[in-house]
Amino acid sequence: MGYITKEEVSRFRTMVKSTFGKDFKFSIRRDNSDTLSVSLMKSPFNVKDRYDQLNEFKSDLYDNDVKEMIDVLNFLSGHIKEHYNRNDPYADYCDYSYYKSYNIGKWDKKVEIDEKPINWKEIKKKMKQSVIKDELKK
């Protein structure tokens, strides 16, 4: 049975803000005590002008910017709590540490698009720095 605490979500929110900066805006919340829900609300790259649920396991299905964003979010979420998947296909239950839900926009709010060039190398450098800062705070 998956579970994620408010404190872990708060740590993740802090890491995302320090990694992506002011060009991005995310809505990060905990749903049903077992899901880390992340919605992109402001984007410096062009995304579809509608709500879209993203598949975190198949990031190669998306264009480069969305793929890079999913990869960074997966990396950061792996550092707030060990993410495991002990599902047994022959059992009638699943065993995740917690679930993740990535979205573009929300069903009732569109994404704000303010196109700017994105330096993914710089974002990944900030990502590693935010993980180190989080580890030092523990």
N, C-alpha and C. Protein backbone atom coordinates (compact mmCIF):
# COMPACT_ATOMS: atom_id res chain seq x y z
N MET A 1 0.84 -1.18 0.00
CA MET A 1 0.00 0.00 0.00
C MET A 1 0.88 1.24 0.00
N GLY A 2 0.67 2.12 -0.95
CA GLY A 2 1.49 3.31 -1.07
C GLY A 2 1.15 4.36 -0.02
N TYR A 3 2.16 5.16 0.34
CA TYR A 3 1.94 6.25 1.28
C TYR A 3 3.03 7.29 1.09
N ILE A 4 2.64 8.56 1.07
CA ILE A 4 3.60 9.66 1.02
C ILE A 4 3.12 10.72 2.01
N THR A 5 4.05 11.25 2.80
CA THR A 5 3.69 12.21 3.85
C THR A 5 3.66 13.63 3.31
N LYS A 6 3.04 14.52 4.07
CA LYS A 6 3.01 15.95 3.71
C LYS A 6 4.43 16.52 3.70
N GLU A 7 5.26 16.06 4.63
CA GLU A 7 6.64 16.55 4.71
C GLU A 7 7.43 16.16 3.47
N GLU A 8 7.23 14.95 2.98
CA GLU A 8 7.93 14.51 1.76
C GLU A 8 7.47 15.32 0.55
N VAL A 9 6.19 15.61 0.48
CA VAL A 9 5.67 16.44 -0.62
C VAL A 9 6.24 17.85 -0.52
N SER A 10 6.33 18.37 0.69
CA SER A 10 6.90 19.70 0.89
C SER A 10 8.37 19.74 0.48
N ARG A 11 9.13 18.71 0.82
CA ARG A 11 10.54 18.63 0.39
C ARG A 11 10.64 18.57 -1.13
N PHE A 12 9.76 17.81 -1.76
CA PHE A 12 9.76 17.70 -3.22
C PHE A 12 9.44 19.06 -3.84
N ARG A 13 8.46 19.76 -3.29
CA ARG A 13 8.07 21.08 -3.79
C ARG A 13 9.25 22.05 -3.73
N THR A 14 10.00 22.02 -2.63
CA THR A 14 11.17 22.88 -2.47
C THR A 14 12.23 22.55 -3.51
N MET A 15 12.47 21.27 -3.75
CA MET A 15 13.48 20.87 -4.74
C MET A 15 13.05 21.27 -6.15
N VAL A 16 11.77 21.14 -6.46
CA VAL A 16 11.29 21.51 -7.80
C VAL A 16 11.43 23.01 -8.02
N LYS A 17 11.08 23.82 -7.01
CA LYS A 17 11.20 25.27 -7.15
C LYS A 17 12.65 25.69 -7.36
N SER A 18 13.58 25.10 -6.59
CA SER A 18 14.98 25.49 -6.74
C SER A 18 15.58 24.97 -8.04
N THR A 19 15.04 23.90 -8.58
CA THR A 19 15.56 23.32 -9.82
C THR A 19 15.06 24.07 -11.05
N PHE A 20 13.75 24.29 -11.14
CA PHE A 20 13.17 24.85 -12.36
C PHE A 20 13.14 26.37 -12.40
N GLY A 21 13.20 27.03 -11.27
CA GLY A 21 13.23 28.49 -11.26
C GLY A 21 11.87 29.11 -11.55
N LYS A 22 11.90 30.38 -11.95
CA LYS A 22 10.66 31.16 -12.10
C LYS A 22 10.00 31.01 -13.47
N ASP A 23 10.68 30.38 -14.43
CA ASP A 23 10.09 30.21 -15.75
C ASP A 23 9.00 29.14 -15.76
N PHE A 24 9.06 28.23 -14.80
CA PHE A 24 8.09 27.16 -14.68
C PHE A 24 7.23 27.40 -13.45
N LYS A 25 5.99 26.92 -13.51
CA LYS A 25 5.13 26.94 -12.33
C LYS A 25 4.43 25.58 -12.26
N PHE A 26 4.50 24.96 -11.10
CA PHE A 26 3.90 23.66 -10.89
C PHE A 26 2.90 23.71 -9.76
N SER A 27 1.88 22.89 -9.86
CA SER A 27 0.98 22.63 -8.75
C SER A 27 1.35 21.25 -8.23
N ILE A 28 1.85 21.20 -7.00
CA ILE A 28 2.32 19.94 -6.42
C ILE A 28 1.51 19.67 -5.17
N ARG A 29 0.87 18.52 -5.13
CA ARG A 29 0.02 18.19 -3.99
C ARG A 29 0.01 16.69 -3.74
N ARG A 30 -0.53 16.33 -2.61
CA ARG A 30 -0.69 14.93 -2.23
C ARG A 30 -2.15 14.56 -2.40
N ASP A 31 -2.42 13.52 -3.14
CA ASP A 31 -3.79 13.05 -3.34
C ASP A 31 -3.98 11.71 -2.62
N ASN A 32 -5.02 11.62 -1.82
CA ASN A 32 -5.41 10.38 -1.16
C ASN A 32 -4.30 9.74 -0.34
N SER A 33 -3.35 10.49 0.14
CA SER A 33 -2.23 10.06 0.97
C SER A 33 -1.30 9.04 0.29
N ASP A 34 -1.55 8.71 -0.97
CA ASP A 34 -0.67 7.75 -1.63
C ASP A 34 -0.15 8.22 -2.99
N THR A 35 -0.50 9.44 -3.42
CA THR A 35 -0.13 9.91 -4.75
C THR A 35 0.53 11.28 -4.69
N LEU A 36 1.68 11.38 -5.35
CA LEU A 36 2.34 12.67 -5.56
C LEU A 36 1.84 13.18 -6.90
N SER A 37 1.05 14.25 -6.85
CA SER A 37 0.43 14.78 -8.06
C SER A 37 1.13 16.09 -8.47
N VAL A 38 1.65 16.12 -9.70
CA VAL A 38 2.39 17.27 -10.20
C VAL A 38 1.74 17.74 -11.50
N SER A 39 1.31 19.01 -11.52
CA SER A 39 0.71 19.58 -12.72
C SER A 39 1.53 20.79 -13.17
N LEU A 40 1.91 20.81 -14.43
CA LEU A 40 2.62 21.95 -15.01
C LEU A 40 1.59 23.04 -15.30
N MET A 41 1.75 24.22 -14.68
CA MET A 41 0.78 25.29 -14.83
C MET A 41 1.31 26.47 -15.66
N LYS A 42 2.63 26.65 -15.69
CA LYS A 42 3.25 27.69 -16.51
C LYS A 42 4.49 27.08 -17.14
N SER A 43 4.61 27.27 -18.46
CA SER A 43 5.68 26.60 -19.19
C SER A 43 6.40 27.57 -20.13
N PRO A 44 7.74 27.48 -20.18
CA PRO A 44 8.48 28.29 -21.15
C PRO A 44 8.58 27.61 -22.52
N PHE A 45 8.06 26.41 -22.65
CA PHE A 45 8.04 25.73 -23.95
C PHE A 45 6.61 25.46 -24.35
N ASN A 46 6.41 25.29 -25.64
CA ASN A 46 5.07 25.12 -26.18
C ASN A 46 4.55 23.71 -25.90
N VAL A 47 3.42 23.64 -25.24
CA VAL A 47 2.74 22.37 -24.99
C VAL A 47 1.34 22.50 -25.56
N LYS A 48 0.67 21.38 -25.67
CA LYS A 48 -0.70 21.42 -26.15
C LYS A 48 -1.52 22.34 -25.25
N ASP A 49 -2.44 23.04 -25.83
CA ASP A 49 -3.24 24.00 -25.08
C ASP A 49 -4.46 23.31 -24.45
N ARG A 50 -4.20 22.20 -23.80
CA ARG A 50 -5.29 21.49 -23.14
C ARG A 50 -4.71 20.60 -22.04
N TYR A 51 -5.57 20.07 -21.23
CA TYR A 51 -5.17 19.17 -20.15
C TYR A 51 -4.65 17.86 -20.73
N ASP A 52 -3.56 17.36 -20.18
CA ASP A 52 -3.01 16.09 -20.66
C ASP A 52 -2.36 15.35 -19.50
N GLN A 53 -2.66 14.07 -19.37
CA GLN A 53 -2.01 13.23 -18.38
C GLN A 53 -0.78 12.62 -19.03
N LEU A 54 0.35 12.68 -18.33
CA LEU A 54 1.61 12.19 -18.89
C LEU A 54 1.93 10.81 -18.34
N ASN A 55 2.55 9.99 -19.17
CA ASN A 55 2.97 8.66 -18.76
C ASN A 55 4.42 8.75 -18.33
N GLU A 56 4.67 8.63 -17.03
CA GLU A 56 6.03 8.77 -16.51
C GLU A 56 6.96 7.64 -16.97
N PHE A 57 6.40 6.50 -17.34
CA PHE A 57 7.22 5.36 -17.74
C PHE A 57 7.62 5.40 -19.21
N LYS A 58 6.91 6.19 -20.01
CA LYS A 58 7.20 6.26 -21.44
C LYS A 58 7.44 7.70 -21.87
N SER A 59 8.43 8.32 -21.25
CA SER A 59 8.70 9.73 -21.55
C SER A 59 9.19 9.92 -22.98
N ASP A 60 9.68 8.86 -23.62
CA ASP A 60 10.14 8.98 -25.01
C ASP A 60 8.99 9.18 -26.00
N LEU A 61 7.74 9.08 -25.55
CA LEU A 61 6.59 9.33 -26.42
C LEU A 61 6.38 10.81 -26.70
N TYR A 62 6.98 11.67 -25.87
CA TYR A 62 6.74 13.10 -25.93
C TYR A 62 7.89 13.83 -26.62
N ASP A 63 7.65 15.09 -26.95
CA ASP A 63 8.74 15.88 -27.54
C ASP A 63 9.84 16.10 -26.51
N ASN A 64 10.97 16.61 -26.95
CA ASN A 64 12.17 16.67 -26.12
C ASN A 64 11.98 17.43 -24.82
N ASP A 65 11.31 18.58 -24.85
CA ASP A 65 11.15 19.38 -23.63
C ASP A 65 10.31 18.66 -22.58
N VAL A 66 9.22 18.04 -22.98
CA VAL A 66 8.37 17.30 -22.03
C VAL A 66 9.13 16.09 -21.50
N LYS A 67 9.87 15.42 -22.36
CA LYS A 67 10.68 14.27 -21.94
C LYS A 67 11.71 14.69 -20.89
N GLU A 68 12.40 15.78 -21.14
CA GLU A 68 13.40 16.27 -20.18
C GLU A 68 12.75 16.62 -18.85
N MET A 69 11.58 17.26 -18.89
CA MET A 69 10.88 17.63 -17.67
C MET A 69 10.48 16.39 -16.87
N ILE A 70 9.95 15.37 -17.53
CA ILE A 70 9.56 14.13 -16.85
C ILE A 70 10.78 13.46 -16.23
N ASP A 71 11.90 13.44 -16.95
CA ASP A 71 13.11 12.82 -16.42
C ASP A 71 13.61 13.54 -15.16
N VAL A 72 13.56 14.86 -15.16
CA VAL A 72 13.99 15.64 -13.99
C VAL A 72 13.04 15.39 -12.83
N LEU A 73 11.73 15.39 -13.07
CA LEU A 73 10.76 15.14 -12.00
C LEU A 73 10.93 13.74 -11.42
N ASN A 74 11.17 12.75 -12.27
CA ASN A 74 11.40 11.38 -11.79
C ASN A 74 12.66 11.30 -10.93
N PHE A 75 13.72 11.99 -11.35
CA PHE A 75 14.96 12.00 -10.59
C PHE A 75 14.74 12.61 -9.21
N LEU A 76 14.06 13.76 -9.18
CA LEU A 76 13.82 14.44 -7.90
C LEU A 76 12.91 13.62 -6.99
N SER A 77 11.86 13.03 -7.55
CA SER A 77 10.93 12.26 -6.72
C SER A 77 11.59 11.01 -6.16
N GLY A 78 12.60 10.50 -6.84
CA GLY A 78 13.33 9.34 -6.33
C GLY A 78 14.18 9.65 -5.12
N HIS A 79 14.42 10.93 -4.86
CA HIS A 79 15.25 11.31 -3.73
C HIS A 79 14.46 11.72 -2.50
N ILE A 80 13.16 11.90 -2.60
CA ILE A 80 12.40 12.25 -1.39
C ILE A 80 12.05 11.00 -0.60
N LYS A 81 11.91 9.89 -1.31
CA LYS A 81 11.57 8.63 -0.67
C LYS A 81 11.92 7.53 -1.67
N GLU A 82 12.44 6.43 -1.17
CA GLU A 82 12.77 5.33 -2.08
C GLU A 82 11.49 4.90 -2.81
N HIS A 83 11.56 4.92 -4.13
CA HIS A 83 10.39 4.53 -4.90
C HIS A 83 10.57 3.08 -5.33
N TYR A 84 9.72 2.21 -4.84
CA TYR A 84 9.81 0.81 -5.22
C TYR A 84 8.51 0.34 -5.85
N ASN A 85 8.62 -0.73 -6.59
CA ASN A 85 7.48 -1.34 -7.25
C ASN A 85 7.62 -2.85 -7.08
N ARG A 86 6.89 -3.40 -6.12
CA ARG A 86 6.94 -4.83 -5.85
C ARG A 86 5.64 -5.50 -6.26
N ASN A 87 5.14 -5.11 -7.39
CA ASN A 87 3.90 -5.71 -7.87
C ASN A 87 4.12 -7.16 -8.25
N ASP A 88 3.15 -7.96 -7.95
CA ASP A 88 3.17 -9.37 -8.33
C ASP A 88 2.04 -9.58 -9.34
N PRO A 89 2.37 -9.91 -10.58
CA PRO A 89 1.31 -10.05 -11.59
C PRO A 89 0.35 -11.21 -11.28
N TYR A 90 0.74 -12.10 -10.37
CA TYR A 90 -0.12 -13.24 -10.06
C TYR A 90 -0.94 -13.03 -8.79
N ALA A 91 -0.76 -11.87 -8.17
CA ALA A 91 -1.54 -11.56 -6.97
C ALA A 91 -2.60 -10.52 -7.32
N ASP A 92 -3.57 -10.39 -6.47
CA ASP A 92 -4.64 -9.43 -6.74
C ASP A 92 -4.44 -8.11 -6.01
N TYR A 93 -3.21 -7.72 -5.76
CA TYR A 93 -2.91 -6.45 -5.14
C TYR A 93 -1.63 -5.90 -5.74
N CYS A 94 -1.38 -4.62 -5.51
CA CYS A 94 -0.13 -4.03 -5.97
C CYS A 94 0.60 -3.42 -4.78
N ASP A 95 1.90 -3.31 -4.89
CA ASP A 95 2.72 -2.81 -3.79
C ASP A 95 3.69 -1.77 -4.33
N TYR A 96 3.31 -0.52 -4.23
CA TYR A 96 4.14 0.63 -4.60
C TYR A 96 4.48 1.39 -3.33
N SER A 97 5.62 2.09 -3.35
CA SER A 97 5.92 2.96 -2.21
C SER A 97 4.97 4.16 -2.23
N TYR A 98 4.72 4.71 -3.40
CA TYR A 98 3.72 5.76 -3.62
C TYR A 98 3.51 5.88 -5.11
N TYR A 99 2.40 6.48 -5.50
CA TYR A 99 2.08 6.67 -6.90
C TYR A 99 2.49 8.07 -7.33
N LYS A 100 2.73 8.25 -8.63
CA LYS A 100 3.05 9.56 -9.18
C LYS A 100 2.08 9.85 -10.31
N SER A 101 1.64 11.10 -10.36
CA SER A 101 0.73 11.54 -11.41
C SER A 101 1.27 12.84 -11.98
N TYR A 102 1.67 12.84 -13.25
CA TYR A 102 2.19 14.03 -13.92
C TYR A 102 1.17 14.50 -14.95
N ASN A 103 0.87 15.81 -14.92
CA ASN A 103 -0.12 16.37 -15.83
C ASN A 103 0.39 17.66 -16.44
N ILE A 104 -0.16 17.99 -17.60
CA ILE A 104 0.03 19.31 -18.19
C ILE A 104 -1.28 20.04 -17.97
N GLY A 105 -1.24 21.06 -17.12
CA GLY A 105 -2.46 21.77 -16.76
C GLY A 105 -3.32 20.96 -15.82
N LYS A 106 -4.49 21.46 -15.58
CA LYS A 106 -5.50 20.75 -14.79
C LYS A 106 -6.75 20.67 -15.64
N TRP A 107 -7.66 19.81 -15.26
CA TRP A 107 -8.85 19.63 -16.09
C TRP A 107 -9.66 20.91 -16.22
N ASP A 108 -9.54 21.82 -15.22
CA ASP A 108 -10.31 23.06 -15.27
C ASP A 108 -9.44 24.30 -15.50
N LYS A 109 -8.11 24.13 -15.67
CA LYS A 109 -7.21 25.26 -15.90
C LYS A 109 -6.22 24.92 -16.99
N LYS A 110 -6.06 25.85 -17.92
CA LYS A 110 -5.10 25.66 -19.00
C LYS A 110 -3.70 26.06 -18.54
N VAL A 111 -2.74 25.60 -19.29
CA VAL A 111 -1.34 25.95 -19.03
C VAL A 111 -1.06 27.34 -19.59
N GLU A 112 -0.33 28.13 -18.82
CA GLU A 112 0.15 29.43 -19.29
C GLU A 112 1.44 29.18 -20.07
N ILE A 113 1.51 29.65 -21.30
CA ILE A 113 2.70 29.42 -22.12
C ILE A 113 3.39 30.75 -22.39
N ASP A 114 4.67 30.82 -22.01
CA ASP A 114 5.50 32.00 -22.22
C ASP A 114 6.80 31.49 -22.83
N GLU A 115 6.81 31.34 -24.14
CA GLU A 115 7.94 30.68 -24.80
C GLU A 115 9.25 31.42 -24.62
N LYS A 116 10.24 30.67 -24.14
CA LYS A 116 11.60 31.15 -23.93
C LYS A 116 12.54 29.99 -24.21
N PRO A 117 13.80 30.27 -24.54
CA PRO A 117 14.75 29.17 -24.69
C PRO A 117 15.05 28.53 -23.33
N ILE A 118 15.20 27.22 -23.32
CA ILE A 118 15.44 26.48 -22.07
C ILE A 118 16.82 25.85 -22.12
N ASN A 119 17.58 26.03 -21.06
CA ASN A 119 18.89 25.41 -20.93
C ASN A 119 18.75 24.20 -20.01
N TRP A 120 18.53 23.01 -20.60
CA TRP A 120 18.31 21.81 -19.80
C TRP A 120 19.56 21.40 -19.04
N LYS A 121 20.74 21.72 -19.55
CA LYS A 121 21.98 21.39 -18.82
C LYS A 121 22.04 22.16 -17.51
N GLU A 122 21.63 23.43 -17.55
CA GLU A 122 21.62 24.25 -16.34
C GLU A 122 20.57 23.73 -15.35
N ILE A 123 19.40 23.34 -15.85
CA ILE A 123 18.35 22.80 -14.99
C ILE A 123 18.82 21.51 -14.32
N LYS A 124 19.51 20.65 -15.06
CA LYS A 124 20.00 19.39 -14.47
C LYS A 124 21.10 19.65 -13.45
N LYS A 125 21.89 20.69 -13.67
CA LYS A 125 22.91 21.07 -12.69
C LYS A 125 22.23 21.54 -11.39
N LYS A 126 21.19 22.38 -11.53
CA LYS A 126 20.43 22.84 -10.37
C LYS A 126 19.73 21.68 -9.67
N MET A 127 19.29 20.69 -10.46
CA MET A 127 18.62 19.51 -9.91
C MET A 127 19.56 18.79 -8.95
N LYS A 128 20.78 18.58 -9.37
CA LYS A 128 21.75 17.88 -8.52
C LYS A 128 22.08 18.69 -7.28
N GLN A 129 22.17 20.02 -7.43
CA GLN A 129 22.44 20.87 -6.28
C GLN A 129 21.29 20.84 -5.27
N SER A 130 20.05 20.83 -5.76
CA SER A 130 18.91 20.80 -4.85
C SER A 130 18.82 19.48 -4.10
N VAL A 131 19.21 18.38 -4.75
CA VAL A 131 19.23 17.08 -4.08
C VAL A 131 20.29 17.08 -2.98
N ILE A 132 21.47 17.65 -3.26
CA ILE A 132 22.53 17.72 -2.25
C ILE A 132 22.08 18.57 -1.07
N LYS A 133 21.44 19.72 -1.33
CA LYS A 133 20.94 20.56 -0.24
C LYS A 133 19.92 19.82 0.60
N ASP A 134 19.04 19.04 -0.06
CA ASP A 134 18.03 18.29 0.67
C ASP A 134 18.68 17.21 1.54
N GLU A 135 19.69 16.55 1.02
CA GLU A 135 20.38 15.51 1.79
C GLU A 135 21.07 16.11 3.01
N LEU A 136 21.63 17.32 2.86
CA LEU A 136 22.31 17.96 3.98
C LEU A 136 21.35 18.40 5.08
N LYS A 137 20.09 18.69 4.70
CA LYS A 137 19.09 19.12 5.68
C LYS A 137 18.61 17.97 6.55
N LYS A 138 18.72 16.74 6.07
CA LYS A 138 18.23 15.58 6.81
C LYS A 138 18.96 15.39 8.11
